[in-house]
Amino acid sequence: MADEENKETSENIQPEDAGASDEVAEGADQGSQGDGASADGGGREAEQPSEKKKDVIPGADLEPIAVEPEAELSAEERARKEAEEEERAKREAELTRDADEEGTPAREPAKMESGARFLATGKRKSSIARVILTPGSGKIEVNQRGLEEFFPRPLHQTVARQALTATGYEGSVDVRVRVHGGGASGQAGAVRHGIARALTEVDPQLRGELKRRGFLTRDARVKERRKAGLKKARKRPQFSKR
């Protein structure tokens, strides 16, 4: 009886061991196949990033910047700006037209000795211009640059030339100017003031004509200072009752 029991147990154990060995062998084969697939997949994965890099647009991952729309002006502010622009354009047109309509002066330009130099200083707002007049052909140089280059706007060019145009010296003298301080409008006024003063040194009889046109008067008008509690010199913040 004991021998029969031992045979049964051995028969029961042997198939199990064989099945286990078969499972181990199959697992090894699958593992080898998996390694090959993983190797192939790794190669494909290695190829995919390069393809993705080619297709990616630079900056596509960046978040868009939200641009805030400009605040719309009220009807009053829009009308005020339009009125200011129209007034400025009208003033420029009047000054340019007056300069063009001025005829040739009654007096001929005075003769100047070769090598003569006439110096003067002109001021306007916070600008100071030092002017040197010499006999020449009408060349005007401001801070070592041409007049048209230094003053791109025709209004400022006309203002700077006004004293020469009114007296007829526009084509008979060369002007060298060194100006600093202030803005373009103030510098143009300072150049005109300095040229007018220098012309009175060339010919004292021009003083009456230049004085009548206001070119010799030191214009003392400046921008009014801002006051405490106000936005500008006189503009106040809007009052709110509630």
Protein backbone atom coordinates (compact mmCIF):
# COMPACT_ATOMS: atom_id res chain seq x y z
CA MET A 1 0.00 0.00 0.00
CA ALA A 2 2.83 2.36 0.83
CA ASP A 3 4.45 1.72 -2.51
CA GLU A 4 1.23 2.52 -4.34
CA GLU A 5 0.89 5.83 -2.46
CA ASN A 6 4.49 6.81 -3.31
CA LYS A 7 3.86 6.12 -7.01
CA GLU A 8 0.72 8.25 -7.00
CA THR A 9 2.52 11.17 -5.40
CA SER A 10 5.41 10.89 -7.87
CA GLU A 11 2.99 10.80 -10.77
CA ASN A 12 1.17 13.85 -9.44
CA ILE A 13 4.42 15.83 -8.96
CA GLN A 14 6.01 15.10 -12.32
CA PRO A 15 3.38 16.83 -14.52
CA GLU A 16 3.44 19.86 -12.29
CA ASP A 17 7.22 20.15 -12.58
CA ALA A 18 7.00 19.75 -16.34
CA GLY A 19 4.35 22.42 -16.60
CA ALA A 20 6.43 24.77 -14.50
CA SER A 21 9.48 24.19 -16.67
CA ASP A 22 7.41 24.80 -19.79
CA GLU A 23 6.11 28.05 -18.30
CA VAL A 24 9.67 29.18 -17.47
CA ALA A 25 10.80 28.43 -21.02
CA GLU A 26 7.84 30.31 -22.49
CA GLY A 27 8.56 33.24 -20.18
CA ALA A 28 12.17 33.32 -21.32
CA ASP A 29 11.08 33.31 -24.98
CA GLN A 30 8.60 36.09 -24.34
CA GLY A 31 11.26 38.01 -22.46
CA SER A 32 13.65 37.73 -25.39
CA GLN A 33 10.91 38.80 -27.78
CA GLY A 34 9.99 41.67 -25.45
CA ASP A 35 13.60 42.81 -25.33
CA GLY A 36 13.71 42.84 -29.11
CA ALA A 37 10.43 44.74 -29.31
CA SER A 38 11.63 47.19 -26.70
CA ALA A 39 14.83 47.66 -28.64
CA ASP A 40 12.84 48.29 -31.81
CA GLY A 41 10.48 50.56 -29.92
CA GLY A 42 13.41 52.46 -28.45
CA GLY A 43 14.79 53.01 -31.93
CA ARG A 44 11.43 54.24 -33.14
CA GLU A 45 11.06 56.43 -30.09
CA ALA A 46 14.53 57.81 -30.75
CA GLU A 47 13.49 58.65 -34.28
CA GLN A 48 10.20 60.27 -33.26
CA PRO A 49 11.68 63.19 -31.23
CA SER A 50 13.76 64.28 -34.20
CA GLU A 51 10.65 64.27 -36.38
CA LYS A 52 8.74 66.18 -33.70
CA LYS A 53 11.53 68.75 -33.40
CA LYS A 54 11.30 69.41 -37.12
CA ASP A 55 7.54 69.89 -36.98
CA VAL A 56 7.46 72.06 -33.82
CA ILE A 57 6.99 75.76 -34.52
CA PRO A 58 9.32 78.03 -32.49
CA GLY A 59 7.43 79.74 -29.69
CA ALA A 60 4.34 77.53 -30.06
CA ASP A 61 4.54 76.57 -26.39
CA LEU A 62 4.53 80.19 -25.22
CA GLU A 63 1.38 81.70 -23.83
CA PRO A 64 -0.06 84.59 -25.84
CA ILE A 65 0.29 88.04 -24.31
CA ALA A 66 -2.98 89.77 -23.68
CA VAL A 67 -2.83 93.28 -25.14
CA GLU A 68 -5.12 95.65 -23.36
CA PRO A 69 -7.12 97.85 -25.70
CA GLU A 70 -6.41 101.55 -25.52
CA ALA A 71 -8.84 103.53 -23.48
CA GLU A 72 -11.35 105.28 -25.67
CA LEU A 73 -11.31 109.05 -25.40
CA SER A 74 -14.44 110.89 -24.49
CA ALA A 75 -16.13 113.14 -26.99
CA GLU A 76 -14.80 116.27 -25.25
CA GLU A 77 -11.19 115.07 -25.22
CA ARG A 78 -11.40 113.94 -28.85
CA ALA A 79 -12.82 117.30 -29.90
CA ARG A 80 -10.15 119.14 -27.92
CA LYS A 81 -7.32 117.17 -29.57
CA GLU A 82 -8.76 117.74 -33.03
CA ALA A 83 -9.06 121.46 -32.32
CA GLU A 84 -5.45 121.63 -31.14
CA GLU A 85 -4.20 119.84 -34.25
CA GLU A 86 -6.22 122.12 -36.53
CA GLU A 87 -4.94 125.21 -34.74
CA ARG A 88 -1.34 124.00 -34.97
CA ALA A 89 -1.67 123.24 -38.68
CA LYS A 90 -3.31 126.63 -39.29
CA ARG A 91 -0.53 128.45 -37.44
CA GLU A 92 2.18 126.59 -39.37
CA ALA A 93 0.46 127.36 -42.68
CA GLU A 94 0.16 131.07 -41.78
CA LEU A 95 3.81 131.35 -40.79
CA THR A 96 4.97 129.54 -43.92
CA ARG A 97 2.71 131.66 -46.13
CA ASP A 98 3.91 134.89 -44.51
CA ALA A 99 7.51 133.87 -45.10
CA ASP A 100 6.79 133.08 -48.76
CA GLU A 101 4.81 136.30 -49.36
CA GLU A 102 7.56 138.55 -48.03
CA GLY A 103 9.12 140.33 -50.97
CA THR A 104 12.71 141.36 -51.37
CA PRO A 105 13.75 144.03 -48.85
CA ALA A 106 14.12 147.63 -50.01
CA ARG A 107 17.72 147.81 -48.78
CA GLU A 108 20.51 145.74 -50.21
CA PRO A 109 22.66 143.64 -47.88
CA ALA A 110 25.66 145.47 -46.47
CA LYS A 111 29.07 144.45 -47.72
CA MET A 112 31.17 142.49 -45.24
CA GLU A 113 34.91 142.16 -45.19
CA SER A 114 36.31 138.72 -45.89
CA GLY A 115 37.09 136.89 -42.67
CA ALA A 116 34.68 139.00 -40.61
CA ARG A 117 32.80 137.27 -37.81
CA PHE A 118 29.76 138.50 -35.93
CA LEU A 119 28.76 136.74 -32.73
CA ALA A 120 25.48 136.90 -30.81
CA THR A 121 23.44 134.89 -28.33
CA GLY A 122 19.74 134.11 -28.65
CA LYS A 123 17.36 132.73 -26.05
CA ARG A 124 13.86 131.26 -26.01
CA LYS A 125 12.24 129.36 -23.14
CA SER A 126 15.12 127.25 -21.75
CA SER A 127 17.09 127.13 -25.02
CA ILE A 128 20.30 129.08 -25.61
CA ALA A 129 21.79 129.52 -29.08
CA ARG A 130 25.24 130.95 -29.84
CA VAL A 131 25.33 132.27 -33.41
CA ILE A 132 28.31 133.12 -35.64
CA LEU A 133 27.73 134.98 -38.93
CA THR A 134 30.41 134.99 -41.62
CA PRO A 135 30.34 136.06 -45.31
CA GLY A 136 29.20 133.15 -47.45
CA SER A 137 26.49 131.69 -49.66
CA GLY A 138 23.65 131.13 -47.18
CA LYS A 139 24.69 127.86 -45.54
CA ILE A 140 23.12 127.28 -42.12
CA GLU A 141 24.68 124.73 -39.78
CA VAL A 142 23.15 123.86 -36.40
CA ASN A 143 25.21 121.74 -34.01
CA GLN A 144 27.40 120.59 -36.92
CA ARG A 145 24.35 119.44 -38.90
CA GLY A 146 22.32 120.98 -41.69
CA LEU A 147 19.25 123.02 -40.83
CA GLU A 148 16.87 120.56 -42.54
CA GLU A 149 18.48 117.66 -40.69
CA PHE A 150 18.40 119.32 -37.28
CA PHE A 151 14.86 120.74 -37.70
CA PRO A 152 12.84 118.21 -39.74
CA ARG A 153 9.59 120.18 -39.46
CA PRO A 154 9.12 122.99 -42.02
CA LEU A 155 7.69 125.29 -39.32
CA HIS A 156 10.90 125.24 -37.29
CA GLN A 157 13.00 125.75 -40.43
CA THR A 158 10.89 128.79 -41.36
CA VAL A 159 11.17 130.25 -37.85
CA ALA A 160 14.94 129.83 -37.82
CA ARG A 161 15.30 131.56 -41.22
CA GLN A 162 12.83 134.41 -40.61
CA ALA A 163 15.39 137.06 -39.62
CA LEU A 164 17.55 136.33 -42.67
CA THR A 165 14.58 136.27 -45.05
CA ALA A 166 13.15 139.55 -43.75
CA THR A 167 16.43 141.42 -44.17
CA GLY A 168 17.64 139.86 -47.45
CA TYR A 169 20.76 138.24 -45.97
CA GLU A 170 19.60 134.69 -46.64
CA GLY A 171 22.04 134.10 -49.50
CA SER A 172 24.95 136.33 -48.47
CA VAL A 173 26.01 134.98 -45.06
CA ASP A 174 26.87 131.60 -43.57
CA VAL A 175 25.44 130.81 -40.16
CA ARG A 176 26.93 128.49 -37.58
CA VAL A 177 24.85 127.81 -34.50
CA ARG A 178 25.47 125.90 -31.31
CA VAL A 179 22.23 125.43 -29.41
CA HIS A 180 21.35 123.44 -26.31
CA GLY A 181 18.48 123.10 -23.86
CA GLY A 182 14.74 123.00 -24.39
CA GLY A 183 12.87 121.40 -27.25
CA ALA A 184 12.69 121.89 -30.99
CA SER A 185 10.31 124.87 -30.84
CA GLY A 186 12.36 126.69 -28.22
CA GLN A 187 15.61 126.00 -30.06
CA ALA A 188 14.18 127.36 -33.33
CA GLY A 189 13.11 130.53 -31.55
CA ALA A 190 16.52 130.89 -29.92
CA VAL A 191 18.24 130.51 -33.31
CA ARG A 192 16.05 133.25 -34.79
CA HIS A 193 16.74 135.53 -31.83
CA GLY A 194 20.49 134.99 -32.09
CA ILE A 195 20.58 135.55 -35.87
CA ALA A 196 18.56 138.78 -35.49
CA ARG A 197 20.99 140.09 -32.87
CA ALA A 198 23.97 139.16 -35.03
CA LEU A 199 22.44 140.98 -38.01
CA THR A 200 22.24 144.19 -36.00
CA GLU A 201 26.00 143.88 -35.53
CA VAL A 202 26.42 143.52 -39.30
CA ASP A 203 24.18 146.49 -40.13
CA PRO A 204 22.85 148.67 -37.26
CA GLN A 205 20.17 150.13 -39.57
CA LEU A 206 18.38 146.77 -39.56
CA ARG A 207 17.44 147.23 -35.92
CA GLY A 208 14.19 149.09 -36.66
CA GLU A 209 12.88 146.46 -39.10
CA LEU A 210 13.84 143.54 -36.88
CA LYS A 211 12.38 145.25 -33.81
CA ARG A 212 9.11 145.92 -35.62
CA ARG A 213 8.77 142.24 -36.49
CA GLY A 214 9.55 141.21 -32.91
CA PHE A 215 12.69 139.25 -33.74
CA LEU A 216 14.86 141.19 -31.24
CA THR A 217 12.47 140.86 -28.31
CA ARG A 218 13.38 138.25 -25.74
CA ASP A 219 10.22 136.17 -25.48
CA ALA A 220 9.92 135.44 -21.76
CA ARG A 221 6.87 133.19 -22.04
CA VAL A 222 7.45 129.75 -20.53
CA LYS A 223 5.25 126.86 -19.51
CA GLU A 224 3.47 127.53 -16.24
CA ARG A 225 4.56 125.31 -13.37
CA ARG A 226 2.39 122.54 -12.00
CA LYS A 227 0.62 123.24 -8.70
CA ALA A 228 0.24 120.85 -5.78
CA GLY A 229 -3.02 118.93 -5.89
CA LEU A 230 -3.59 119.66 -9.58
CA LYS A 231 -2.81 117.58 -12.65
CA LYS A 232 -1.14 120.44 -14.54
CA ALA A 233 -0.79 124.17 -14.02
CA ARG A 234 -4.55 124.69 -13.80
CA LYS A 235 -6.21 121.39 -14.66
CA ARG A 236 -7.95 119.87 -11.64
CA PRO A 237 -8.96 116.28 -10.91
CA GLN A 238 -12.61 115.51 -11.55
CA PHE A 239 -14.75 116.23 -8.51
CA SER A 240 -16.84 113.34 -7.23
CA LYS A 241 -19.69 114.13 -4.87
CA ARG A 242 -20.13 110.49 -3.80
